[in-house]
PDB file of N, CA and C in Angstrom:
ATOM      1  N   UNK A   1     -25.015  -8.287  -4.292  1.00  0.00           N
ATOM      2  CA  UNK A   1     -23.807  -8.457  -5.062  1.00  0.00           C
ATOM      3  C   UNK A   1     -23.381  -7.132  -5.690  1.00  0.00           C
ATOM      4  N   UNK A   2     -24.364  -6.366  -6.157  1.00  0.00           N
ATOM      5  CA  UNK A   2     -24.037  -5.053  -6.729  1.00  0.00           C
ATOM      6  C   UNK A   2     -23.414  -4.141  -5.690  1.00  0.00           C
ATOM      7  N   UNK A   3     -23.901  -4.233  -4.471  1.00  0.00           N
ATOM      8  CA  UNK A   3     -23.365  -3.408  -3.403  1.00  0.00           C
ATOM      9  C   UNK A   3     -21.910  -3.755  -3.126  1.00  0.00           C
ATOM     10  N   UNK A   4     -21.588  -5.021  -3.099  1.00  0.00           N
ATOM     11  CA  UNK A   4     -20.214  -5.457  -2.865  1.00  0.00           C
ATOM     12  C   UNK A   4     -19.285  -4.980  -3.972  1.00  0.00           C
ATOM     13  N   UNK A   5     -19.721  -5.126  -5.208  1.00  0.00           N
ATOM     14  CA  UNK A   5     -18.906  -4.665  -6.337  1.00  0.00           C
ATOM     15  C   UNK A   5     -18.739  -3.146  -6.283  1.00  0.00           C
ATOM     16  N   UNK A   6     -19.795  -2.446  -5.941  1.00  0.00           N
ATOM     17  CA  UNK A   6     -19.717  -0.987  -5.822  1.00  0.00           C
ATOM     18  C   UNK A   6     -18.732  -0.567  -4.741  1.00  0.00           C
ATOM     19  N   UNK A   7     -18.771  -1.243  -3.609  1.00  0.00           N
ATOM     20  CA  UNK A   7     -17.840  -0.912  -2.530  1.00  0.00           C
ATOM     21  C   UNK A   7     -16.396  -1.193  -2.917  1.00  0.00           C
ATOM     22  N   UNK A   8     -16.171  -2.286  -3.625  1.00  0.00           N
ATOM     23  CA  UNK A   8     -14.810  -2.598  -4.086  1.00  0.00           C
ATOM     24  C   UNK A   8     -14.300  -1.556  -5.078  1.00  0.00           C
ATOM     25  N   UNK A   9     -15.154  -1.131  -5.986  1.00  0.00           N
ATOM     26  CA  UNK A   9     -14.757  -0.110  -6.965  1.00  0.00           C
ATOM     27  C   UNK A   9     -14.475   1.214  -6.270  1.00  0.00           C
ATOM     28  N   UNK A  10     -15.310   1.580  -5.323  1.00  0.00           N
ATOM     29  CA  UNK A  10     -15.098   2.821  -4.580  1.00  0.00           C
ATOM     30  C   UNK A  10     -13.792   2.755  -3.797  1.00  0.00           C
ATOM     31  N   UNK A  11     -13.532   1.642  -3.132  1.00  0.00           N
ATOM     32  CA  UNK A  11     -12.287   1.488  -2.373  1.00  0.00           C
ATOM     33  C   UNK A  11     -11.079   1.555  -3.299  1.00  0.00           C
ATOM     34  N   UNK A  12     -11.192   0.982  -4.481  1.00  0.00           N
ATOM     35  CA  UNK A  12     -10.088   1.018  -5.446  1.00  0.00           C
ATOM     36  C   UNK A  12      -9.790   2.460  -5.855  1.00  0.00           C
ATOM     37  N   UNK A  13     -10.823   3.220  -6.190  1.00  0.00           N
ATOM     38  CA  UNK A  13     -10.610   4.595  -6.615  1.00  0.00           C
ATOM     39  C   UNK A  13     -10.142   5.488  -5.472  1.00  0.00           C
ATOM     40  N   UNK A  14     -10.570   5.228  -4.265  1.00  0.00           N
ATOM     41  CA  UNK A  14     -10.052   5.965  -3.115  1.00  0.00           C
ATOM     42  C   UNK A  14      -8.558   5.676  -2.961  1.00  0.00           C
ATOM     43  N   UNK A  15      -8.164   4.428  -3.134  1.00  0.00           N
ATOM     44  CA  UNK A  15      -6.752   4.071  -3.064  1.00  0.00           C
ATOM     45  C   UNK A  15      -5.936   4.765  -4.138  1.00  0.00           C
ATOM     46  N   UNK A  16      -6.479   4.861  -5.346  1.00  0.00           N
ATOM     47  CA  UNK A  16      -5.788   5.575  -6.424  1.00  0.00           C
ATOM     48  C   UNK A  16      -5.606   7.039  -6.034  1.00  0.00           C
ATOM     49  N   UNK A  17      -6.627   7.633  -5.465  1.00  0.00           N
ATOM     50  CA  UNK A  17      -6.522   9.025  -5.020  1.00  0.00           C
ATOM     51  C   UNK A  17      -5.503   9.207  -3.924  1.00  0.00           C
ATOM     52  N   UNK A  18      -5.427   8.253  -3.011  1.00  0.00           N
ATOM     53  CA  UNK A  18      -4.455   8.340  -1.918  1.00  0.00           C
ATOM     54  C   UNK A  18      -3.030   8.259  -2.465  1.00  0.00           C
ATOM     55  N   UNK A  19      -2.812   7.394  -3.439  1.00  0.00           N
ATOM     56  CA  UNK A  19      -1.475   7.256  -4.017  1.00  0.00           C
ATOM     57  C   UNK A  19      -1.102   8.501  -4.824  1.00  0.00           C
ATOM     58  N   UNK A  20      -2.057   9.093  -5.515  1.00  0.00           N
ATOM     59  CA  UNK A  20      -1.772  10.277  -6.328  1.00  0.00           C
ATOM     60  C   UNK A  20      -1.727  11.576  -5.519  1.00  0.00           C
ATOM     61  N   UNK A  21      -2.222  11.569  -4.301  1.00  0.00           N
ATOM     62  CA  UNK A  21      -2.323  12.799  -3.507  1.00  0.00           C
ATOM     63  C   UNK A  21      -0.995  13.534  -3.337  1.00  0.00           C
ATOM     64  N   UNK A  22       0.119  12.857  -2.989  1.00  0.00           N
ATOM     65  CA  UNK A  22       1.374  13.605  -2.844  1.00  0.00           C
ATOM     66  C   UNK A  22       1.830  14.268  -4.151  1.00  0.00           C
ATOM     67  N   UNK A  23       1.632  13.598  -5.266  1.00  0.00           N
ATOM     68  CA  UNK A  23       2.012  14.168  -6.556  1.00  0.00           C
ATOM     69  C   UNK A  23       1.157  15.385  -6.884  1.00  0.00           C
ATOM     70  N   UNK A  24      -0.129  15.265  -6.636  1.00  0.00           N
ATOM     71  CA  UNK A  24      -1.028  16.383  -6.917  1.00  0.00           C
ATOM     72  C   UNK A  24      -0.721  17.552  -5.997  1.00  0.00           C
ATOM     73  N   UNK A  25      -0.477  17.280  -4.734  1.00  0.00           N
ATOM     74  CA  UNK A  25      -0.181  18.354  -3.781  1.00  0.00           C
ATOM     75  C   UNK A  25       1.118  19.066  -4.144  1.00  0.00           C
ATOM     76  N   UNK A  26       2.121  18.309  -4.553  1.00  0.00           N
ATOM     77  CA  UNK A  26       3.424  18.911  -4.862  1.00  0.00           C
ATOM     78  C   UNK A  26       3.394  19.718  -6.157  1.00  0.00           C
ATOM     79  N   UNK A  27       2.557  19.346  -7.100  1.00  0.00           N
ATOM     80  CA  UNK A  27       2.588  19.979  -8.414  1.00  0.00           C
ATOM     81  C   UNK A  27       1.369  20.830  -8.736  1.00  0.00           C
ATOM     82  N   UNK A  28       0.492  21.040  -7.770  1.00  0.00           N
ATOM     83  CA  UNK A  28      -0.765  21.736  -8.049  1.00  0.00           C
ATOM     84  C   UNK A  28      -0.547  23.164  -8.535  1.00  0.00           C
ATOM     85  N   UNK A  29       0.297  23.903  -7.871  1.00  0.00           N
ATOM     86  CA  UNK A  29       0.461  25.315  -8.248  1.00  0.00           C
ATOM     87  C   UNK A  29       1.921  25.676  -8.514  1.00  0.00           C
ATOM     88  N   UNK A  30       2.756  24.701  -8.780  1.00  0.00           N
ATOM     89  CA  UNK A  30       4.175  24.998  -8.975  1.00  0.00           C
ATOM     90  C   UNK A  30       4.566  25.202 -10.428  1.00  0.00           C
ATOM     91  N   UNK A  31       3.717  24.863 -11.369  1.00  0.00           N
ATOM     92  CA  UNK A  31       4.083  25.011 -12.770  1.00  0.00           C
ATOM     93  C   UNK A  31       2.864  25.058 -13.652  1.00  0.00           C
ATOM     94  N   UNK A  32       3.105  24.995 -14.951  1.00  0.00           N
ATOM     95  CA  UNK A  32       1.970  25.027 -15.877  1.00  0.00           C
ATOM     96  C   UNK A  32       1.155  23.738 -15.847  1.00  0.00           C
ATOM     97  N   UNK A  33      -0.018  23.816 -16.438  1.00  0.00           N
ATOM     98  CA  UNK A  33      -0.927  22.669 -16.441  1.00  0.00           C
ATOM     99  C   UNK A  33      -0.322  21.476 -17.165  1.00  0.00           C
ATOM    100  N   UNK A  34       0.474  21.719 -18.176  1.00  0.00           N
ATOM    101  CA  UNK A  34       1.082  20.602 -18.911  1.00  0.00           C
ATOM    102  C   UNK A  34       2.066  19.841 -18.034  1.00  0.00           C
ATOM    103  N   UNK A  35       2.796  20.543 -17.198  1.00  0.00           N
ATOM    104  CA  UNK A  35       3.734  19.885 -16.280  1.00  0.00           C
ATOM    105  C   UNK A  35       2.962  19.104 -15.215  1.00  0.00           C
ATOM    106  N   UNK A  36       1.867  19.665 -14.744  1.00  0.00           N
ATOM    107  CA  UNK A  36       1.021  18.971 -13.776  1.00  0.00           C
ATOM    108  C   UNK A  36       0.457  17.683 -14.374  1.00  0.00           C
ATOM    109  N   UNK A  37      -0.074  17.772 -15.583  1.00  0.00           N
ATOM    110  CA  UNK A  37      -0.636  16.593 -16.244  1.00  0.00           C
ATOM    111  C   UNK A  37       0.440  15.546 -16.506  1.00  0.00           C
ATOM    112  N   UNK A  38       1.629  15.986 -16.849  1.00  0.00           N
ATOM    113  CA  UNK A  38       2.729  15.048 -17.092  1.00  0.00           C
ATOM    114  C   UNK A  38       3.125  14.317 -15.811  1.00  0.00           C
ATOM    115  N   UNK A  39       3.181  15.028 -14.701  1.00  0.00           N
ATOM    116  CA  UNK A  39       3.560  14.379 -13.439  1.00  0.00           C
ATOM    117  C   UNK A  39       2.484  13.394 -12.972  1.00  0.00           C
ATOM    118  N   UNK A  40       1.228  13.744 -13.161  1.00  0.00           N
ATOM    119  CA  UNK A  40       0.143  12.830 -12.795  1.00  0.00           C
ATOM    120  C   UNK A  40       0.156  11.608 -13.713  1.00  0.00           C
ATOM    121  N   UNK A  41       0.374  11.827 -15.001  1.00  0.00           N
ATOM    122  CA  UNK A  41       0.421  10.710 -15.950  1.00  0.00           C
ATOM    123  C   UNK A  41       1.599   9.785 -15.658  1.00  0.00           C
ATOM    124  N   UNK A  42       2.696  10.338 -15.175  1.00  0.00           N
ATOM    125  CA  UNK A  42       3.860   9.524 -14.831  1.00  0.00           C
ATOM    126  C   UNK A  42       3.561   8.630 -13.631  1.00  0.00           C
ATOM    127  N   UNK A  43       2.828   9.135 -12.655  1.00  0.00           N
ATOM    128  CA  UNK A  43       2.518   8.379 -11.447  1.00  0.00           C
ATOM    129  C   UNK A  43       1.282   7.492 -11.578  1.00  0.00           C
ATOM    130  N   UNK A  44       0.515   7.666 -12.619  1.00  0.00           N
ATOM    131  CA  UNK A  44      -0.742   6.933 -12.762  1.00  0.00           C
ATOM    132  C   UNK A  44      -0.584   5.414 -12.794  1.00  0.00           C
ATOM    133  N   UNK A  45       0.388   4.840 -13.518  1.00  0.00           N
ATOM    134  CA  UNK A  45       0.516   3.379 -13.491  1.00  0.00           C
ATOM    135  C   UNK A  45       0.777   2.822 -12.093  1.00  0.00           C
ATOM    136  N   UNK A  46       1.623   3.508 -11.319  1.00  0.00           N
ATOM    137  CA  UNK A  46       1.885   3.071  -9.944  1.00  0.00           C
ATOM    138  C   UNK A  46       0.638   3.212  -9.087  1.00  0.00           C
ATOM    139  N   UNK A  47      -0.132   4.265  -9.327  1.00  0.00           N
ATOM    140  CA  UNK A  47      -1.347   4.477  -8.546  1.00  0.00           C
ATOM    141  C   UNK A  47      -2.398   3.417  -8.865  1.00  0.00           C
ATOM    142  N   UNK A  48      -2.497   3.039 -10.123  1.00  0.00           N
ATOM    143  CA  UNK A  48      -3.491   2.035 -10.503  1.00  0.00           C
ATOM    144  C   UNK A  48      -3.118   0.647 -10.012  1.00  0.00           C
ATOM    145  N   UNK A  49      -1.844   0.435  -9.708  1.00  0.00           N
ATOM    146  CA  UNK A  49      -1.380  -0.875  -9.241  1.00  0.00           C
ATOM    147  C   UNK A  49      -1.237  -0.922  -7.722  1.00  0.00           C
ATOM    148  N   UNK A  50      -1.904  -0.036  -7.000  1.00  0.00           N
ATOM    149  CA  UNK A  50      -1.731   0.005  -5.549  1.00  0.00           C
ATOM    150  C   UNK A  50      -2.146  -1.289  -4.851  1.00  0.00           C
ATOM    151  N   UNK A  51      -3.140  -2.042  -5.315  1.00  0.00           N
ATOM    152  CA  UNK A  51      -3.453  -3.292  -4.610  1.00  0.00           C
ATOM    153  C   UNK A  51      -2.286  -4.284  -4.632  1.00  0.00           C
ATOM    154  N   UNK A  52      -1.567  -4.342  -5.754  1.00  0.00           N
ATOM    155  CA  UNK A  52      -0.416  -5.245  -5.844  1.00  0.00           C
ATOM    156  C   UNK A  52       0.696  -4.800  -4.905  1.00  0.00           C
ATOM    157  N   UNK A  53       0.909  -3.500  -4.796  1.00  0.00           N
ATOM    158  CA  UNK A  53       1.948  -2.993  -3.893  1.00  0.00           C
ATOM    159  C   UNK A  53       1.596  -3.285  -2.438  1.00  0.00           C
ATOM    160  N   UNK A  54       0.332  -3.149  -2.092  1.00  0.00           N
ATOM    161  CA  UNK A  54      -0.089  -3.453  -0.718  1.00  0.00           C
ATOM    162  C   UNK A  54       0.080  -4.940  -0.429  1.00  0.00           C
ATOM    163  N   UNK A  55      -0.304  -5.769  -1.388  1.00  0.00           N
ATOM    164  CA  UNK A  55      -0.153  -7.213  -1.202  1.00  0.00           C
ATOM    165  C   UNK A  55       1.315  -7.590  -1.017  1.00  0.00           C
ATOM    166  N   UNK A  56       2.191  -7.033  -1.845  1.00  0.00           N
ATOM    167  CA  UNK A  56       3.618  -7.343  -1.721  1.00  0.00           C
ATOM    168  C   UNK A  56       4.175  -6.883  -0.381  1.00  0.00           C
ATOM    169  N   UNK A  57       3.741  -5.724   0.082  1.00  0.00           N
ATOM    170  CA  UNK A  57       4.258  -5.231   1.364  1.00  0.00           C
ATOM    171  C   UNK A  57       3.786  -6.104   2.518  1.00  0.00           C
ATOM    172  N   UNK A  58       2.590  -6.652   2.417  1.00  0.00           N
ATOM    173  CA  UNK A  58       2.088  -7.550   3.455  1.00  0.00           C
ATOM    174  C   UNK A  58       2.771  -8.907   3.362  1.00  0.00           C
ATOM    175  N   UNK A  59       2.944  -9.411   2.155  1.00  0.00           N
ATOM    176  CA  UNK A  59       3.521 -10.746   1.958  1.00  0.00           C
ATOM    177  C   UNK A  59       4.996 -10.803   2.311  1.00  0.00           C
ATOM    178  N   UNK A  60       5.710  -9.695   2.233  1.00  0.00           N
ATOM    179  CA  UNK A  60       7.143  -9.681   2.500  1.00  0.00           C
ATOM    180  C   UNK A  60       7.486  -9.459   3.969  1.00  0.00           C
ATOM    181  N   UNK A  61       6.510  -9.226   4.803  1.00  0.00           N
ATOM    182  CA  UNK A  61       6.779  -9.010   6.224  1.00  0.00           C
ATOM    183  C   UNK A  61       7.199 -10.325   6.867  1.00  0.00           C
ATOM    184  N   UNK A  62       8.104 -10.274   7.834  1.00  0.00           N
ATOM    185  CA  UNK A  62       8.541 -11.502   8.491  1.00  0.00           C
ATOM    186  C   UNK A  62       7.428 -12.205   9.268  1.00  0.00           C
ATOM    187  N   UNK A  63       6.404 -11.487   9.663  1.00  0.00           N
ATOM    188  CA  UNK A  63       5.317 -12.105  10.424  1.00  0.00           C
ATOM    189  C   UNK A  63       4.352 -12.879   9.528  1.00  0.00           C
ATOM    190  N   UNK A  64       4.518 -12.740   8.218  1.00  0.00           N
ATOM    191  CA  UNK A  64       3.644 -13.452   7.291  1.00  0.00           C
ATOM    192  C   UNK A  64       3.984 -14.937   7.294  1.00  0.00           C
ATOM    193  N   UNK A  65       3.002 -15.773   7.073  1.00  0.00           N
ATOM    194  CA  UNK A  65       3.281 -17.219   7.032  1.00  0.00           C
ATOM    195  C   UNK A  65       4.210 -17.555   5.869  1.00  0.00           C
ATOM    196  N   UNK A  66       4.986 -18.608   6.049  1.00  0.00           N
ATOM    197  CA  UNK A  66       5.932 -19.002   5.018  1.00  0.00           C
ATOM    198  C   UNK A  66       5.211 -19.575   3.814  1.00  0.00           C
ATOM    199  N   UNK A  67       5.782 -19.302   2.643  1.00  0.00           N
ATOM    200  CA  UNK A  67       5.220 -19.843   1.403  1.00  0.00           C
ATOM    201  C   UNK A  67       5.735 -21.259   1.211  1.00  0.00           C
ATOM    202  N   UNK A  68       4.896 -22.123   0.722  1.00  0.00           N
ATOM    203  CA  UNK A  68       5.309 -23.517   0.502  1.00  0.00           C
ATOM    204  C   UNK A  68       5.420 -23.813  -0.956  1.00  0.00           C
TER     205      UNK A  68
END
């Protein structure tokens, strides 16, 4: 059970990193550290909610079963 929970936590944090990667890449060396931290902090709520965004994108596809 610990292994399963560990894998889920690792997958969650990898997903957060994947969502934040474009922001970090775009702002890494373009401005001061305060601007970098501000841009990451702005994107952090969206990054932490990536499972909900993935679920919505899957549920809204036409190939998904109809909701009753």
